[in-house]
Amino acid sequence: MTTLLRGSFRLQFFLGFLACAGLLAYAIYLQLHDGLEPCNLCIFQRVAFAALGIVFLIGALHGPKRPAGRKSYGIAALLAALAGIAVAGRHVWVQMQPPGVASCGAPLSFMRETMSTWDVVRKVMTATGNCGDVDWTFAGLSMPWWSLIWFVALALWAGYAAFRRA
């Protein structure tokens, strides 16, 4: 483990990419194999994991030698992770409300056809649909809780990789 922590920026960012890819692959597996349809907030979390994974991958492929380059990738990764933390945190809050109090609205495809992009984002983040349902748990935590934990862990990982002394 200490070898990974002291590893190169490229290795650390590549491992971050693998974590994001694995999480997205598992979410897609649950959707296609187990029939768990993602709600709107779940889709936004997938987008945040994809964005974070892309930053990790580009950073790993580039492997900047200068601290300023590493810090730039670290800031980009932290921004993507913070967006994911905001969405996952909102989703956790929605699930903690009594049944029927909060959810996330009409299907995302319908909202995209009938609303502007900002209206869709505002509508989903104010939660009016099925985001309050808990369809999957592991170790007593729902998927949004695990997403929140992973976003925090990956933000810390990116910060460590980008801002540590070489």
Protein backbone atom coordinates (compact mmCIF):
# COMPACT_ATOMS: atom_id res chain seq x y z
CA MET A 1 0.00 0.00 0.00
CA THR A 2 2.79 2.43 0.81
CA THR A 3 4.24 1.77 -2.65
CA LEU A 4 0.98 2.98 -4.21
CA LEU A 5 0.92 6.04 -1.96
CA ARG A 6 4.49 6.90 -2.90
CA GLY A 7 4.01 5.90 -6.55
CA SER A 8 4.21 8.24 -9.47
CA PHE A 9 1.53 10.76 -10.33
CA ARG A 10 0.78 8.72 -13.47
CA LEU A 11 0.20 5.53 -11.49
CA GLN A 12 -1.95 7.27 -8.90
CA PHE A 13 -4.10 8.99 -11.49
CA PHE A 14 -4.38 5.77 -13.51
CA LEU A 15 -5.61 3.96 -10.40
CA GLY A 16 -8.16 6.76 -9.92
CA PHE A 17 -9.31 6.21 -13.49
CA LEU A 18 -9.62 2.45 -12.90
CA ALA A 19 -11.71 3.08 -9.78
CA CYS A 20 -14.10 5.36 -11.71
CA ALA A 21 -14.31 2.90 -14.61
CA GLY A 22 -15.00 0.03 -12.22
CA LEU A 23 -17.73 1.95 -10.40
CA LEU A 24 -19.41 2.91 -13.68
CA ALA A 25 -19.13 -0.66 -14.97
CA TYR A 26 -20.76 -1.98 -11.81
CA ALA A 27 -23.59 0.56 -12.06
CA ILE A 28 -24.22 -0.46 -15.67
CA TYR A 29 -24.08 -4.14 -14.68
CA LEU A 30 -26.72 -3.57 -12.00
CA GLN A 31 -28.87 -1.77 -14.54
CA LEU A 32 -28.58 -4.32 -17.36
CA HIS A 33 -28.27 -7.55 -15.38
CA ASP A 34 -30.32 -6.88 -12.25
CA GLY A 35 -32.81 -4.44 -13.77
CA LEU A 36 -32.08 -1.53 -11.42
CA GLU A 37 -33.14 1.52 -13.42
CA PRO A 38 -31.17 4.63 -12.46
CA CYS A 39 -33.07 7.68 -11.26
CA ASN A 40 -32.17 11.19 -12.41
CA LEU A 41 -29.78 11.83 -9.53
CA CYS A 42 -28.10 8.47 -10.24
CA ILE A 43 -27.54 9.53 -13.84
CA PHE A 44 -25.96 12.81 -12.70
CA GLN A 45 -23.67 10.82 -10.38
CA ARG A 46 -22.64 8.64 -13.30
CA VAL A 47 -21.82 11.76 -15.30
CA ALA A 48 -19.70 13.06 -12.40
CA PHE A 49 -17.86 9.70 -12.13
CA ALA A 50 -17.27 9.76 -15.90
CA ALA A 51 -15.94 13.33 -15.76
CA LEU A 52 -13.69 12.46 -12.83
CA GLY A 53 -12.48 9.34 -14.63
CA ILE A 54 -11.66 11.33 -17.75
CA VAL A 55 -9.63 13.84 -15.73
CA PHE A 56 -7.80 10.97 -14.05
CA LEU A 57 -7.10 9.29 -17.42
CA ILE A 58 -5.88 12.45 -19.15
CA GLY A 59 -3.69 13.26 -16.15
CA ALA A 60 -2.26 9.74 -16.17
CA LEU A 61 -1.54 9.82 -19.90
CA HIS A 62 0.02 13.27 -19.75
CA GLY A 63 1.96 12.70 -16.54
CA PRO A 64 3.12 16.29 -16.06
CA LYS A 65 6.56 16.66 -14.52
CA ARG A 66 6.07 20.15 -13.12
CA PRO A 67 4.15 20.69 -9.89
CA ALA A 68 1.92 23.30 -11.56
CA GLY A 69 0.76 20.72 -14.12
CA ARG A 70 0.00 18.15 -11.44
CA LYS A 71 -1.86 20.75 -9.41
CA SER A 72 -3.94 21.72 -12.46
CA TYR A 73 -5.07 18.13 -12.90
CA GLY A 74 -5.66 17.88 -9.16
CA ILE A 75 -7.91 20.95 -9.20
CA ALA A 76 -9.86 19.61 -12.20
CA ALA A 77 -10.31 16.25 -10.45
CA LEU A 78 -11.37 17.96 -7.22
CA LEU A 79 -13.97 20.04 -9.10
CA ALA A 80 -15.44 16.91 -10.72
CA ALA A 81 -15.42 15.12 -7.36
CA LEU A 82 -17.07 18.09 -5.63
CA ALA A 83 -19.84 18.07 -8.24
CA GLY A 84 -20.33 14.37 -7.52
CA ILE A 85 -20.29 15.00 -3.77
CA ALA A 86 -23.00 17.65 -4.18
CA VAL A 87 -25.25 15.35 -6.24
CA ALA A 88 -24.65 12.26 -4.08
CA GLY A 89 -25.14 14.32 -0.93
CA ARG A 90 -28.44 15.60 -2.26
CA HIS A 91 -29.46 12.04 -3.17
CA VAL A 92 -28.63 10.80 0.33
CA TRP A 93 -30.71 13.65 1.78
CA VAL A 94 -33.65 12.75 -0.48
CA GLN A 95 -33.49 9.12 0.62
CA MET A 96 -33.45 10.15 4.28
CA GLN A 97 -36.79 11.97 3.94
CA PRO A 98 -40.08 10.21 4.75
CA PRO A 99 -41.59 8.33 1.76
CA GLY A 100 -43.33 10.64 -0.69
CA VAL A 101 -41.76 13.84 0.64
CA ALA A 102 -38.92 14.09 -1.88
CA SER A 103 -38.09 12.36 -5.14
CA CYS A 104 -36.64 13.45 -8.51
CA GLY A 105 -39.33 13.89 -11.15
CA ALA A 106 -40.21 12.77 -14.65
CA PRO A 107 -37.82 10.68 -16.74
CA LEU A 108 -34.72 12.61 -17.74
CA SER A 109 -35.37 12.05 -21.46
CA PHE A 110 -38.78 13.73 -21.17
CA MET A 111 -37.38 16.66 -19.20
CA ARG A 112 -34.59 17.20 -21.77
CA GLU A 113 -37.19 17.40 -24.55
CA THR A 114 -39.43 19.85 -22.71
CA MET A 115 -37.06 22.05 -20.66
CA SER A 116 -33.84 24.00 -20.99
CA THR A 117 -30.66 22.43 -19.64
CA TRP A 118 -30.60 24.65 -16.55
CA ASP A 119 -34.28 23.96 -15.86
CA VAL A 120 -33.57 20.21 -16.03
CA VAL A 121 -30.65 20.54 -13.61
CA ARG A 122 -32.72 22.69 -11.23
CA LYS A 123 -35.68 20.30 -11.41
CA VAL A 124 -33.56 17.20 -10.76
CA MET A 125 -31.65 18.83 -7.90
CA THR A 126 -34.90 19.87 -6.21
CA ALA A 127 -35.90 16.20 -6.38
CA THR A 128 -39.41 15.29 -7.49
CA GLY A 129 -39.59 11.55 -8.80
CA ASN A 130 -38.31 8.13 -7.55
CA CYS A 131 -34.91 9.10 -6.12
CA GLY A 132 -36.20 8.45 -2.61
CA ASP A 133 -36.51 4.71 -3.26
CA VAL A 134 -33.77 2.47 -1.87
CA ASP A 135 -33.49 -0.45 -4.30
CA TRP A 136 -29.97 -1.66 -3.42
CA THR A 137 -27.88 -1.77 -0.26
CA PHE A 138 -24.49 -3.11 0.73
CA ALA A 139 -23.36 -3.20 4.36
CA GLY A 140 -26.49 -1.26 5.26
CA LEU A 141 -25.73 1.68 2.96
CA SER A 142 -27.62 2.60 -0.20
CA MET A 143 -25.96 3.27 -3.54
CA PRO A 144 -25.98 7.08 -3.08
CA TRP A 145 -24.19 6.64 0.25
CA TRP A 146 -21.53 4.50 -1.45
CA SER A 147 -21.25 7.04 -4.26
CA LEU A 148 -20.72 9.79 -1.71
CA ILE A 149 -18.04 7.75 0.06
CA TRP A 150 -16.28 7.02 -3.25
CA PHE A 151 -16.42 10.66 -4.36
CA VAL A 152 -14.86 11.77 -1.07
CA ALA A 153 -12.20 9.03 -1.26
CA LEU A 154 -11.36 9.85 -4.88
CA ALA A 155 -11.20 13.58 -4.09
CA LEU A 156 -8.73 12.85 -1.29
CA TRP A 157 -6.77 10.52 -3.60
CA ALA A 158 -6.58 13.17 -6.35
CA GLY A 159 -5.59 15.84 -3.85
CA TYR A 160 -2.86 13.65 -2.41
CA ALA A 161 -1.52 12.69 -5.84
CA ALA A 162 -1.52 16.24 -7.14
CA PHE A 163 -0.42 18.24 -4.11
CA ARG A 164 2.06 15.99 -2.31
CA ARG A 165 5.74 16.72 -2.38
CA ALA A 166 7.62 14.68 -4.93
